[in-house]
Each structure stands twice: as C-alpha cells, then as structure tokens.
Amino acid sequence: MKYVVTYQSVPDFEALADQHFPAHLDHLQKFHQRGTMLAMGPLQEPYNGEGLGVFTSQEAAEEFVATDPFVVNGVIAKHTIRAWQEGFLPGPDAADQQS
C-alpha cells in the first residue's frame, strides 16, 4: 500500500511558491533520500499549482505535509492524503521489452 498526497495551491500562488521553493526543494530531497517519498511533482495542463506525491507510508505522508514549507507558509490551500493500492508494477527489464 502506498499513500498519495495531493496539493491545491492558493490563488496567485506563483510569487509565494517562488519565495519558498528553495526550502520546499530541500524538504523534498530529504524525504526522497530517506526512501519514503517515491515521487512528487506539479500536475500540468493546466498548470495551476496542483501537485501530487507518492509515499511509502501514511506516517511519511503526514510528516511530509506537516513540515513542508509550502504548507507551513501558506502556498498550499488544501491537501489530501489517500491510500493507494498499486495494480501493476513493471519488472526490472520492462524498459528493454519496449524497445
């Protein structure tokens, strides 16, 4: 079981996000290096400040959100944490088979 975090930013988030991005990036790297954050990034089209992250446990997802500079400093208006049951994981040689 994995846990998915979704973010919705405040209106006109870009200036505030730019201000807190260095600390947010450090935060991302800390959780990634620990191995508890598997993926994180902004959703595109439209680019409106929504983001998505995948974590190895509910505790890691909750800790990330509680201490994320984007949340602490008001860039994020709303977040959700939901359990996600993976349905398919490619094998280590899946990329070779697509060639």
Protein backbone atom coordinates (compact mmCIF):
# COMPACT_ATOMS: atom_id res chain seq x y z
CA MET A 1 0.00 0.00 0.00
CA LYS A 2 1.22 3.48 -0.90
CA TYR A 3 -0.15 6.88 0.08
CA VAL A 4 -0.88 9.68 -2.36
CA VAL A 5 -0.73 13.33 -1.33
CA THR A 6 -2.49 15.90 -3.49
CA TYR A 7 -1.99 19.64 -3.13
CA GLN A 8 -4.14 22.57 -4.25
CA SER A 9 -2.42 25.93 -4.12
CA VAL A 10 -3.85 29.28 -3.13
CA PRO A 11 -4.91 31.64 -5.94
CA ASP A 12 -1.96 33.60 -7.37
CA PHE A 13 0.41 31.09 -5.79
CA GLU A 14 3.41 31.65 -8.07
CA ALA A 15 5.16 34.51 -6.23
CA LEU A 16 4.66 32.81 -2.87
CA ALA A 17 5.82 29.46 -4.29
CA ASP A 18 8.94 31.08 -5.79
CA GLN A 19 9.78 32.58 -2.39
CA HIS A 20 9.54 29.24 -0.54
CA PHE A 21 10.71 26.89 -3.30
CA PRO A 22 14.35 26.51 -2.08
CA ALA A 23 13.16 25.28 1.35
CA HIS A 24 10.47 23.12 -0.29
CA LEU A 25 13.10 21.53 -2.57
CA ASP A 26 15.34 20.76 0.43
CA HIS A 27 12.33 19.15 2.10
CA LEU A 28 11.61 17.04 -0.99
CA GLN A 29 15.21 15.87 -1.18
CA LYS A 30 15.23 14.89 2.50
CA PHE A 31 12.21 12.61 2.11
CA HIS A 32 13.45 11.20 -1.21
CA GLN A 33 16.88 10.38 0.25
CA ARG A 34 15.17 8.62 3.16
CA GLY A 35 13.31 6.49 0.65
CA THR A 36 9.87 7.42 1.99
CA MET A 37 8.86 9.67 -0.93
CA LEU A 38 8.73 7.82 -4.24
CA ALA A 39 7.55 10.63 -6.50
CA MET A 40 6.46 14.27 -6.27
CA GLY A 41 5.71 16.96 -8.77
CA PRO A 42 3.29 19.51 -10.17
CA LEU A 43 0.39 18.49 -12.36
CA GLN A 44 0.39 20.04 -15.83
CA GLU A 45 -2.20 21.32 -18.29
CA PRO A 46 -3.43 23.40 -16.76
CA TYR A 47 -0.51 24.42 -14.59
CA ASN A 48 -2.45 25.78 -11.63
CA GLY A 49 -0.43 24.86 -8.56
CA GLU A 50 -1.82 21.37 -8.07
CA GLY A 51 0.71 18.71 -7.14
CA LEU A 52 0.89 15.02 -6.41
CA GLY A 53 3.24 12.87 -4.34
CA VAL A 54 3.53 9.17 -3.58
CA PHE A 55 4.80 7.96 -0.20
CA THR A 56 5.66 4.58 1.28
CA SER A 57 3.52 5.03 4.41
CA GLN A 58 0.74 7.16 5.80
CA GLU A 59 3.08 8.35 8.54
CA ALA A 60 5.64 9.57 5.99
CA ALA A 61 2.94 11.38 4.00
CA GLU A 62 1.56 13.04 7.14
CA GLU A 63 5.03 14.07 8.33
CA PHE A 64 5.88 15.48 4.90
CA VAL A 65 2.74 17.61 4.76
CA ALA A 66 3.02 18.80 8.35
CA THR A 67 6.57 20.07 7.83
CA ASP A 68 6.52 21.13 4.14
CA PRO A 69 7.46 24.82 3.76
CA PHE A 70 4.76 25.17 1.09
CA VAL A 71 2.11 24.12 3.62
CA VAL A 72 3.63 25.95 6.60
CA ASN A 73 3.96 29.21 4.63
CA GLY A 74 0.52 29.19 3.02
CA VAL A 75 1.33 28.24 -0.58
CA ILE A 76 -1.00 25.25 -0.24
CA ALA A 77 -4.69 25.92 0.38
CA LYS A 78 -5.78 22.29 0.67
CA HIS A 79 -4.22 18.85 0.73
CA THR A 80 -5.45 15.27 0.84
CA ILE A 81 -3.77 12.01 1.82
CA ARG A 82 -5.31 8.84 0.42
CA ALA A 83 -4.32 5.19 0.45
CA TRP A 84 -3.49 3.80 -2.98
CA GLN A 85 -3.33 0.13 -3.91
CA GLU A 86 -0.91 -0.35 -6.79
CA GLY A 87 -2.32 -2.52 -9.52
CA PHE A 88 0.72 -3.10 -11.72
CA LEU A 89 4.45 -2.85 -11.20
CA PRO A 90 6.68 -3.42 -14.21
CA GLY A 91 9.59 -5.81 -13.84
CA PRO A 92 13.20 -4.59 -13.94
CA ASP A 93 13.52 -5.41 -17.65
CA ALA A 94 10.23 -3.77 -18.74
CA ALA A 95 12.08 -0.87 -20.39
CA ASP A 96 14.10 -3.35 -22.51
CA GLN A 97 10.90 -5.00 -23.74
CA GLN A 98 9.51 -1.68 -25.01
CA SER A 99 12.45 -1.09 -27.36
